[in-house]
């Protein structure tokens, strides 16, 4: 009996790490996006500063001295456990995009989050902070007028860059 247990333990010790590393190579690697003090042209009615589609999570805030509008759409996924939320001085109204229901949050001095699911998040305004993690893609566009004061972004741990003046598309994470 001891020999059987010892043989099974030895085989498990040799096989499990190899299987785990093979599975890790096949699974997409989660990444992240950081946006600080983002500002675009046209304020809350202008072009989006950030348009994010991600399987994972999104956290953000519009400071009291900023102004923002955030549309959050929950997309179909296997892990639809969370619902978007916002707290603070914020107005809410339902919106639709390509048949998907969403919620528009607008105002100043509010925080928002969308956790544990697939989301499309569209952010307009000035002074917006955003942190997202998971797998997906992002479209970024800062101000064409105030190029040096329109915020910074970083994708997957890269050095922070100034927001682009033309629309830039980036992948988040791997796979």
C-alpha atoms as a PDB file:
ATOM      1  CA  UNK A   1       0.000   0.000   0.000  1.00  0.00           C
ATOM      2  CA  UNK A   2       2.842   2.394   0.836  1.00  0.00           C
ATOM      3  CA  UNK A   3       4.521   1.677  -2.503  1.00  0.00           C
ATOM      4  CA  UNK A   4       1.325   2.532  -4.380  1.00  0.00           C
ATOM      5  CA  UNK A   5       0.916   5.794  -2.481  1.00  0.00           C
ATOM      6  CA  UNK A   6       4.568   6.678  -2.973  1.00  0.00           C
ATOM      7  CA  UNK A   7       4.316   5.898  -6.717  1.00  0.00           C
ATOM      8  CA  UNK A   8       1.158   8.016  -7.071  1.00  0.00           C
ATOM      9  CA  UNK A   9       2.759  10.920  -5.164  1.00  0.00           C
ATOM     10  CA  UNK A  10       5.884  10.749  -7.352  1.00  0.00           C
ATOM     11  CA  UNK A  11       3.851  10.713 -10.566  1.00  0.00           C
ATOM     12  CA  UNK A  12       1.698  13.612  -9.338  1.00  0.00           C
ATOM     13  CA  UNK A  13       4.798  15.601  -8.409  1.00  0.00           C
ATOM     14  CA  UNK A  14       6.187  15.151 -11.925  1.00  0.00           C
ATOM     15  CA  UNK A  15       2.994  15.504 -13.964  1.00  0.00           C
ATOM     16  CA  UNK A  16       1.075  18.336 -12.237  1.00  0.00           C
ATOM     17  CA  UNK A  17       3.673  21.119 -12.724  1.00  0.00           C
ATOM     18  CA  UNK A  18       4.003  20.238 -16.404  1.00  0.00           C
ATOM     19  CA  UNK A  19       0.224  20.229 -16.852  1.00  0.00           C
ATOM     20  CA  UNK A  20      -0.111  23.541 -15.012  1.00  0.00           C
ATOM     21  CA  UNK A  21       2.511  25.259 -17.164  1.00  0.00           C
ATOM     22  CA  UNK A  22       0.934  23.875 -20.348  1.00  0.00           C
ATOM     23  CA  UNK A  23      -2.455  25.204 -19.236  1.00  0.00           C
ATOM     24  CA  UNK A  24      -0.972  28.580 -18.357  1.00  0.00           C
ATOM     25  CA  UNK A  25       0.528  28.941 -21.851  1.00  0.00           C
ATOM     26  CA  UNK A  26      -2.876  28.237 -23.438  1.00  0.00           C
ATOM     27  CA  UNK A  27      -4.837  30.666 -21.245  1.00  0.00           C
ATOM     28  CA  UNK A  28      -4.816  34.376 -22.092  1.00  0.00           C
ATOM     29  CA  UNK A  29      -2.811  36.568 -19.736  1.00  0.00           C
ATOM     30  CA  UNK A  30      -4.790  39.291 -17.995  1.00  0.00           C
ATOM     31  CA  UNK A  31      -3.537  42.831 -18.410  1.00  0.00           C
ATOM     32  CA  UNK A  32      -4.526  46.238 -17.142  1.00  0.00           C
ATOM     33  CA  UNK A  33      -5.179  49.822 -18.178  1.00  0.00           C
ATOM     34  CA  UNK A  34      -4.575  52.962 -16.111  1.00  0.00           C
ATOM     35  CA  UNK A  35      -5.919  56.370 -17.183  1.00  0.00           C
ATOM     36  CA  UNK A  36      -5.166  59.499 -15.111  1.00  0.00           C
ATOM     37  CA  UNK A  37      -6.811  62.934 -15.424  1.00  0.00           C
ATOM     38  CA  UNK A  38      -8.159  62.167 -18.905  1.00  0.00           C
ATOM     39  CA  UNK A  39      -9.757  65.035 -20.801  1.00  0.00           C
ATOM     40  CA  UNK A  40     -11.182  65.193 -24.279  1.00  0.00           C
ATOM     41  CA  UNK A  41     -12.585  67.830 -26.614  1.00  0.00           C
ATOM     42  CA  UNK A  42     -16.238  68.755 -26.157  1.00  0.00           C
ATOM     43  CA  UNK A  43     -16.657  67.801 -22.482  1.00  0.00           C
ATOM     44  CA  UNK A  44     -19.412  65.338 -21.594  1.00  0.00           C
ATOM     45  CA  UNK A  45     -21.051  65.771 -25.008  1.00  0.00           C
ATOM     46  CA  UNK A  46     -17.852  65.420 -27.056  1.00  0.00           C
ATOM     47  CA  UNK A  47     -15.924  62.439 -28.345  1.00  0.00           C
ATOM     48  CA  UNK A  48     -15.116  59.635 -25.903  1.00  0.00           C
ATOM     49  CA  UNK A  49     -11.816  59.861 -24.059  1.00  0.00           C
ATOM     50  CA  UNK A  50     -11.861  56.104 -23.407  1.00  0.00           C
ATOM     51  CA  UNK A  51     -13.913  53.359 -25.062  1.00  0.00           C
ATOM     52  CA  UNK A  52     -13.120  50.084 -23.343  1.00  0.00           C
ATOM     53  CA  UNK A  53     -14.334  46.533 -24.005  1.00  0.00           C
ATOM     54  CA  UNK A  54     -13.041  44.172 -21.337  1.00  0.00           C
ATOM     55  CA  UNK A  55     -13.700  40.789 -19.769  1.00  0.00           C
ATOM     56  CA  UNK A  56     -12.737  41.572 -16.183  1.00  0.00           C
ATOM     57  CA  UNK A  57     -13.316  44.724 -14.159  1.00  0.00           C
ATOM     58  CA  UNK A  58     -13.381  48.520 -14.414  1.00  0.00           C
ATOM     59  CA  UNK A  59     -13.004  51.025 -11.565  1.00  0.00           C
ATOM     60  CA  UNK A  60     -13.052  54.774 -12.013  1.00  0.00           C
ATOM     61  CA  UNK A  61     -13.853  58.183 -10.675  1.00  0.00           C
ATOM     62  CA  UNK A  62     -14.704  61.662 -11.763  1.00  0.00           C
ATOM     63  CA  UNK A  63     -13.303  64.110  -9.171  1.00  0.00           C
ATOM     64  CA  UNK A  64     -15.417  66.951  -7.720  1.00  0.00           C
ATOM     65  CA  UNK A  65     -13.639  69.481  -9.950  1.00  0.00           C
ATOM     66  CA  UNK A  66     -14.052  67.293 -13.035  1.00  0.00           C
ATOM     67  CA  UNK A  67     -17.080  66.599 -15.183  1.00  0.00           C
ATOM     68  CA  UNK A  68     -17.835  63.221 -16.700  1.00  0.00           C
ATOM     69  CA  UNK A  69     -20.276  60.942 -18.401  1.00  0.00           C
ATOM     70  CA  UNK A  70     -19.770  57.192 -18.244  1.00  0.00           C
ATOM     71  CA  UNK A  71     -21.876  54.684 -20.188  1.00  0.00           C
ATOM     72  CA  UNK A  72     -21.537  51.083 -18.954  1.00  0.00           C
ATOM     73  CA  UNK A  73     -23.003  48.191 -20.934  1.00  0.00           C
ATOM     74  CA  UNK A  74     -22.889  44.657 -19.552  1.00  0.00           C
ATOM     75  CA  UNK A  75     -22.102  42.272 -22.412  1.00  0.00           C
ATOM     76  CA  UNK A  76     -22.988  38.557 -22.422  1.00  0.00           C
ATOM     77  CA  UNK A  77     -20.341  36.380 -20.775  1.00  0.00           C
ATOM     78  CA  UNK A  78     -20.007  33.222 -18.709  1.00  0.00           C
ATOM     79  CA  UNK A  79     -19.171  35.193 -15.555  1.00  0.00           C
ATOM     80  CA  UNK A  80     -22.013  37.732 -15.422  1.00  0.00           C
ATOM     81  CA  UNK A  81     -22.033  38.005 -11.641  1.00  0.00           C
ATOM     82  CA  UNK A  82     -21.663  41.731 -11.129  1.00  0.00           C
ATOM     83  CA  UNK A  83     -23.716  44.775 -11.990  1.00  0.00           C
ATOM     84  CA  UNK A  84     -22.372  48.256 -12.714  1.00  0.00           C
ATOM     85  CA  UNK A  85     -22.607  50.726  -9.846  1.00  0.00           C
ATOM     86  CA  UNK A  86     -21.870  54.385  -9.142  1.00  0.00           C
ATOM     87  CA  UNK A  87     -21.868  56.403  -5.923  1.00  0.00           C
ATOM     88  CA  UNK A  88     -21.637  60.124  -5.300  1.00  0.00           C
ATOM     89  CA  UNK A  89     -23.126  63.174  -6.992  1.00  0.00           C
ATOM     90  CA  UNK A  90     -24.328  61.327 -10.074  1.00  0.00           C
ATOM     91  CA  UNK A  91     -27.363  61.188 -12.359  1.00  0.00           C
ATOM     92  CA  UNK A  92     -28.419  57.827 -13.833  1.00  0.00           C
ATOM     93  CA  UNK A  93     -30.405  57.042 -16.955  1.00  0.00           C
ATOM     94  CA  UNK A  94     -30.847  53.923 -19.095  1.00  0.00           C
ATOM     95  CA  UNK A  95     -29.096  53.782 -22.483  1.00  0.00           C
ATOM     96  CA  UNK A  96     -28.842  51.255 -25.318  1.00  0.00           C
ATOM     97  CA  UNK A  97     -26.026  50.334 -27.686  1.00  0.00           C
ATOM     98  CA  UNK A  98     -26.539  47.739 -30.451  1.00  0.00           C
ATOM     99  CA  UNK A  99     -29.306  46.039 -28.483  1.00  0.00           C
ATOM    100  CA  UNK A 100     -27.370  45.971 -25.201  1.00  0.00           C
ATOM    101  CA  UNK A 101     -28.889  47.722 -22.216  1.00  0.00           C
ATOM    102  CA  UNK A 102     -26.680  49.990 -20.183  1.00  0.00           C
ATOM    103  CA  UNK A 103     -26.641  52.783 -17.650  1.00  0.00           C
ATOM    104  CA  UNK A 104     -25.337  56.301 -18.201  1.00  0.00           C
ATOM    105  CA  UNK A 105     -23.787  57.961 -15.152  1.00  0.00           C
ATOM    106  CA  UNK A 106     -23.084  61.698 -15.360  1.00  0.00           C
ATOM    107  CA  UNK A 107     -21.989  64.463 -13.031  1.00  0.00           C
ATOM    108  CA  UNK A 108     -18.971  65.333 -10.937  1.00  0.00           C
ATOM    109  CA  UNK A 109     -17.558  63.872  -7.753  1.00  0.00           C
ATOM    110  CA  UNK A 110     -18.615  60.260  -8.328  1.00  0.00           C
ATOM    111  CA  UNK A 111     -17.050  56.803  -8.465  1.00  0.00           C
ATOM    112  CA  UNK A 112     -18.098  53.939 -10.725  1.00  0.00           C
ATOM    113  CA  UNK A 113     -17.340  50.250 -11.011  1.00  0.00           C
ATOM    114  CA  UNK A 114     -18.176  47.217 -13.112  1.00  0.00           C
ATOM    115  CA  UNK A 115     -16.749  43.989 -11.708  1.00  0.00           C
ATOM    116  CA  UNK A 116     -16.768  40.308 -12.694  1.00  0.00           C
ATOM    117  CA  UNK A 117     -18.129  40.268 -16.235  1.00  0.00           C
ATOM    118  CA  UNK A 118     -17.782  41.552 -19.769  1.00  0.00           C
ATOM    119  CA  UNK A 119     -18.340  45.276 -20.219  1.00  0.00           C
ATOM    120  CA  UNK A 120     -18.257  48.084 -22.753  1.00  0.00           C
ATOM    121  CA  UNK A 121     -17.427  51.346 -20.998  1.00  0.00           C
ATOM    122  CA  UNK A 122     -17.520  54.709 -22.791  1.00  0.00           C
ATOM    123  CA  UNK A 123     -16.056  57.690 -20.895  1.00  0.00           C
ATOM    124  CA  UNK A 124     -16.433  61.365 -21.838  1.00  0.00           C
ATOM    125  CA  UNK A 125     -15.429  64.489 -19.946  1.00  0.00           C
ATOM    126  CA  UNK A 126     -12.476  65.936 -18.071  1.00  0.00           C
ATOM    127  CA  UNK A 127     -10.454  64.857 -15.043  1.00  0.00           C
ATOM    128  CA  UNK A 128     -11.444  61.187 -15.335  1.00  0.00           C
ATOM    129  CA  UNK A 129      -9.472  58.400 -13.652  1.00  0.00           C
ATOM    130  CA  UNK A 130      -9.921  54.773 -14.718  1.00  0.00           C
ATOM    131  CA  UNK A 131      -8.367  51.425 -13.831  1.00  0.00           C
ATOM    132  CA  UNK A 132      -9.328  48.235 -15.692  1.00  0.00           C
ATOM    133  CA  UNK A 133      -8.040  44.686 -15.592  1.00  0.00           C
ATOM    134  CA  UNK A 134      -8.654  41.597 -17.685  1.00  0.00           C
ATOM    135  CA  UNK A 135      -8.610  40.946 -21.429  1.00  0.00           C
ATOM    136  CA  UNK A 136      -9.966  43.197 -24.110  1.00  0.00           C
ATOM    137  CA  UNK A 137      -9.247  46.355 -26.064  1.00  0.00           C
ATOM    138  CA  UNK A 138      -9.357  50.096 -25.583  1.00  0.00           C
ATOM    139  CA  UNK A 139      -9.707  53.160 -27.815  1.00  0.00           C
ATOM    140  CA  UNK A 140      -8.042  56.261 -26.359  1.00  0.00           C
ATOM    141  CA  UNK A 141      -8.281  59.880 -27.483  1.00  0.00           C
ATOM    142  CA  UNK A 142      -7.257  62.998 -25.590  1.00  0.00           C
ATOM    143  CA  UNK A 143      -7.674  66.646 -26.408  1.00  0.00           C
ATOM    144  CA  UNK A 144      -6.456  68.066 -29.704  1.00  0.00           C
ATOM    145  CA  UNK A 145      -6.417  71.551 -28.146  1.00  0.00           C
ATOM    146  CA  UNK A 146      -4.833  70.964 -24.707  1.00  0.00           C
ATOM    147  CA  UNK A 147      -2.280  68.321 -25.700  1.00  0.00           C
ATOM    148  CA  UNK A 148      -0.049  68.610 -22.618  1.00  0.00           C
ATOM    149  CA  UNK A 149      -2.814  68.692 -19.993  1.00  0.00           C
ATOM    150  CA  UNK A 150      -5.213  66.020 -21.248  1.00  0.00           C
ATOM    151  CA  UNK A 151      -4.013  63.204 -18.973  1.00  0.00           C
ATOM    152  CA  UNK A 152      -1.914  60.077 -19.195  1.00  0.00           C
ATOM    153  CA  UNK A 153      -2.496  56.384 -19.891  1.00  0.00           C
ATOM    154  CA  UNK A 154      -0.588  53.140 -19.399  1.00  0.00           C
ATOM    155  CA  UNK A 155      -1.373  49.700 -20.819  1.00  0.00           C
ATOM    156  CA  UNK A 156      -0.035  46.467 -19.284  1.00  0.00           C
ATOM    157  CA  UNK A 157       2.594  48.193 -17.133  1.00  0.00           C
ATOM    158  CA  UNK A 158       4.188  50.342 -19.812  1.00  0.00           C
ATOM    159  CA  UNK A 159       5.566  53.761 -18.976  1.00  0.00           C
ATOM    160  CA  UNK A 160       2.727  56.358 -18.804  1.00  0.00           C
ATOM    161  CA  UNK A 161       2.157  58.300 -22.035  1.00  0.00           C
ATOM    162  CA  UNK A 162       0.239  61.476 -22.780  1.00  0.00           C
ATOM    163  CA  UNK A 163      -3.243  60.843 -24.160  1.00  0.00           C
ATOM    164  CA  UNK A 164      -3.098  60.615 -27.978  1.00  0.00           C
ATOM    165  CA  UNK A 165      -4.554  63.412 -30.126  1.00  0.00           C
ATOM    166  CA  UNK A 166      -5.908  60.914 -32.660  1.00  0.00           C
ATOM    167  CA  UNK A 167      -7.768  57.730 -31.763  1.00  0.00           C
ATOM    168  CA  UNK A 168      -5.396  54.973 -30.656  1.00  0.00           C
ATOM    169  CA  UNK A 169      -6.489  51.332 -30.306  1.00  0.00           C
ATOM    170  CA  UNK A 170      -4.612  49.012 -27.905  1.00  0.00           C
ATOM    171  CA  UNK A 171      -5.098  45.456 -26.687  1.00  0.00           C
ATOM    172  CA  UNK A 172      -5.228  44.783 -22.967  1.00  0.00           C
ATOM    173  CA  UNK A 173      -3.732  41.522 -21.741  1.00  0.00           C
ATOM    174  CA  UNK A 174      -2.782  38.610 -23.971  1.00  0.00           C
ATOM    175  CA  UNK A 175      -4.592  36.073 -26.053  1.00  0.00           C
END
